[in-house]
Protein backbone atom coordinates (compact mmCIF):
# COMPACT_ATOMS: atom_id res chain seq x y z
CA MET A 1 12.32 33.10 -55.83
CA GLN A 2 8.69 34.02 -55.17
CA LEU A 3 6.04 32.20 -53.15
CA ASN A 4 4.18 31.23 -56.31
CA GLU A 5 7.34 29.59 -57.69
CA LEU A 6 7.79 27.17 -54.74
CA LYS A 7 7.30 23.49 -55.55
CA ARG A 8 7.27 20.34 -53.43
CA ALA A 9 10.35 18.11 -53.49
CA VAL A 10 8.07 15.05 -53.74
CA PRO A 11 4.75 15.42 -55.54
CA GLN A 12 1.64 14.90 -53.37
CA LYS A 13 0.15 11.47 -53.90
CA THR A 14 -3.63 11.56 -54.18
CA GLU A 15 -5.74 8.78 -52.72
CA LYS A 16 -7.42 6.54 -55.28
CA ARG A 17 -11.18 7.17 -55.14
CA VAL A 18 -12.83 3.98 -56.28
CA GLY A 19 -16.42 3.54 -57.34
CA ARG A 20 -16.69 6.87 -59.17
CA GLY A 21 -17.49 5.69 -62.67
CA GLY A 22 -14.96 5.69 -65.46
CA SER A 23 -13.40 2.62 -67.00
CA ARG A 24 -13.00 0.54 -63.85
CA GLY A 25 -15.79 -1.85 -64.81
CA LYS A 26 -18.09 -4.07 -62.72
CA THR A 27 -16.66 -3.84 -59.13
CA ALA A 28 -14.74 -0.57 -59.61
CA GLY A 29 -11.53 -1.90 -58.04
CA ARG A 30 -13.21 -2.96 -54.78
CA GLY A 31 -12.89 -6.70 -55.26
CA THR A 32 -16.17 -8.59 -54.94
CA LYS A 33 -18.93 -8.48 -52.35
CA GLY A 34 -18.86 -7.83 -48.65
CA GLN A 35 -18.53 -5.03 -46.12
CA LYS A 36 -15.36 -3.68 -47.69
CA ALA A 37 -17.04 -3.35 -51.08
CA ARG A 38 -19.88 -1.16 -49.77
CA ALA A 39 -19.96 2.62 -49.71
CA GLY A 40 -19.13 4.22 -46.37
CA HIS A 41 -17.85 0.95 -44.90
CA ARG A 42 -16.34 1.15 -41.41
CA ILE A 43 -14.73 -1.90 -39.81
CA PHE A 44 -14.85 -2.21 -36.01
CA PRO A 45 -11.25 -1.77 -34.74
CA GLN A 46 -9.79 -4.84 -33.09
CA VAL A 47 -8.37 -2.78 -30.21
CA ARG A 48 -11.83 -1.48 -29.26
CA GLU A 49 -13.02 -5.04 -28.69
CA GLN A 50 -10.29 -5.50 -26.06
CA LEU A 51 -10.98 -2.09 -24.51
CA LYS A 52 -14.68 -2.83 -24.06
CA LYS A 53 -13.82 -5.93 -22.02
CA LEU A 54 -11.89 -3.87 -19.43
CA PRO A 55 -13.83 -2.76 -16.33
CA LYS A 56 -14.76 0.90 -16.04
CA LEU A 57 -13.05 3.09 -13.47
CA ARG A 58 -16.06 4.65 -11.80
CA GLY A 59 -16.24 7.59 -9.45
CA TYR A 60 -14.95 11.13 -9.70
CA ARG A 61 -11.26 10.77 -10.48
CA GLN A 62 -11.33 7.27 -9.00
CA LYS A 63 -11.40 8.30 -5.32
CA SER A 64 -13.24 5.05 -4.65
CA ILE A 65 -10.18 3.10 -5.81
CA GLN A 66 -7.82 3.89 -2.94
CA GLU A 67 -4.91 1.77 -1.84
CA LYS A 68 -5.83 -0.24 1.21
CA PRO A 69 -3.39 -0.43 4.12
CA LEU A 70 -1.13 -3.46 4.35
CA PRO A 71 -2.34 -5.96 6.97
CA VAL A 72 -0.02 -7.10 9.77
CA ASN A 73 -1.25 -9.70 12.25
CA LEU A 74 -0.43 -9.85 15.95
CA ASP A 75 1.41 -13.15 15.56
CA ALA A 76 3.90 -11.38 13.23
CA LEU A 77 4.50 -8.70 15.89
CA GLU A 78 5.08 -11.48 18.42
CA ILE A 79 7.87 -12.91 16.25
CA PHE A 80 9.63 -9.72 15.11
CA PHE A 81 9.46 -7.51 18.23
CA ALA A 82 10.67 -7.70 21.85
CA THR A 83 8.90 -6.38 24.95
CA GLY A 84 8.75 -2.58 25.08
CA ASP A 85 9.57 -1.99 21.39
CA THR A 86 7.80 0.68 19.36
CA VAL A 87 5.96 -0.47 16.26
CA ASN A 88 5.52 1.97 13.36
CA PRO A 89 5.59 1.62 9.55
CA LYS A 90 9.30 2.54 9.28
CA VAL A 91 10.35 -0.09 11.84
CA LEU A 92 8.12 -2.66 10.11
CA LEU A 93 9.96 -1.89 6.85
CA GLU A 94 13.38 -2.21 8.49
CA ARG A 95 12.51 -5.59 9.97
CA ARG A 96 10.99 -6.69 6.63
CA VAL A 97 7.54 -7.37 8.00
CA VAL A 98 6.09 -5.23 5.16
CA ARG A 99 7.53 -4.05 1.84
CA TYR A 100 7.67 -0.69 0.10
CA ARG A 101 4.64 0.14 -2.01
CA LYS A 102 5.50 2.17 -5.12
CA GLY A 103 8.71 3.34 -3.48
CA GLU A 104 6.94 4.83 -0.46
CA THR A 105 6.35 3.81 3.13
CA PRO A 106 2.97 2.04 3.10
CA ARG A 107 0.03 2.55 5.43
CA VAL A 108 -0.27 -0.36 7.88
CA LYS A 109 -3.23 -1.85 9.71
CA ILE A 110 -2.68 -4.23 12.60
CA LEU A 111 -5.18 -7.07 12.74
CA GLY A 112 -6.06 -9.31 15.67
CA THR A 113 -5.11 -12.74 14.30
CA GLY A 114 -2.83 -14.60 16.69
CA ALA A 115 -1.82 -14.13 20.31
CA LEU A 116 0.39 -11.39 21.73
CA THR A 117 2.33 -11.76 25.01
CA LYS A 118 4.62 -8.70 24.80
CA LYS A 119 3.93 -5.06 25.71
CA LEU A 120 4.32 -3.01 22.55
CA ASN A 121 3.98 0.73 21.83
CA ILE A 122 2.17 1.12 18.50
CA THR A 123 2.33 4.47 16.66
CA GLY A 124 1.31 5.58 13.18
CA CYS A 125 -0.73 2.47 12.41
CA THR A 126 -4.44 1.84 12.28
CA VAL A 127 -5.56 -0.96 14.57
CA SER A 128 -8.61 -3.21 14.37
CA THR A 129 -10.91 -3.48 17.39
CA SER A 130 -9.95 -7.08 18.18
CA ALA A 131 -6.22 -6.20 18.01
CA ARG A 132 -6.79 -3.10 20.16
CA GLU A 133 -8.45 -5.21 22.87
CA LYS A 134 -5.60 -7.74 22.90
CA ILE A 135 -2.86 -5.07 22.97
CA GLU A 136 -4.49 -3.03 25.74
CA LYS A 137 -5.24 -6.17 27.77
CA ILE A 138 -1.49 -6.93 27.97
CA GLY A 139 -0.66 -3.30 28.79
CA GLY A 140 0.56 -2.02 25.43
CA THR A 141 -0.17 1.48 24.16
CA ILE A 142 -1.67 2.67 20.89
CA THR A 143 -1.19 6.23 19.60
CA PRO A 144 -2.49 7.31 16.18
């Protein structure tokens, strides 16, 4: 068997080219009027209409869209912790104050809502200025 003797198992089906003269008559197999009957017609895809309604992700590789830290208020620390305890993201997860985010330990920010009456040692969390004042006023410590 030679290369020039090879044949396809299924013959190639050619696309019907309408509007090229011949015996097709009046509309040349295109139906009647409208966008689909014109030469070079292109219909706007339905998916593109939905895509254009989505907001654009701006910025170089979306650095501006960062995950914000999970907020934890002082009144939650008052409930879940005793005097002298250390507060860090792992302990907050164990006591179910915060949840995992995408299977990882989340970043936590402690906010100043509520009152705190217990000395706590806070590590590995960012702290707002109002929360920092309240914690240090009681005698608690904050280490980054």
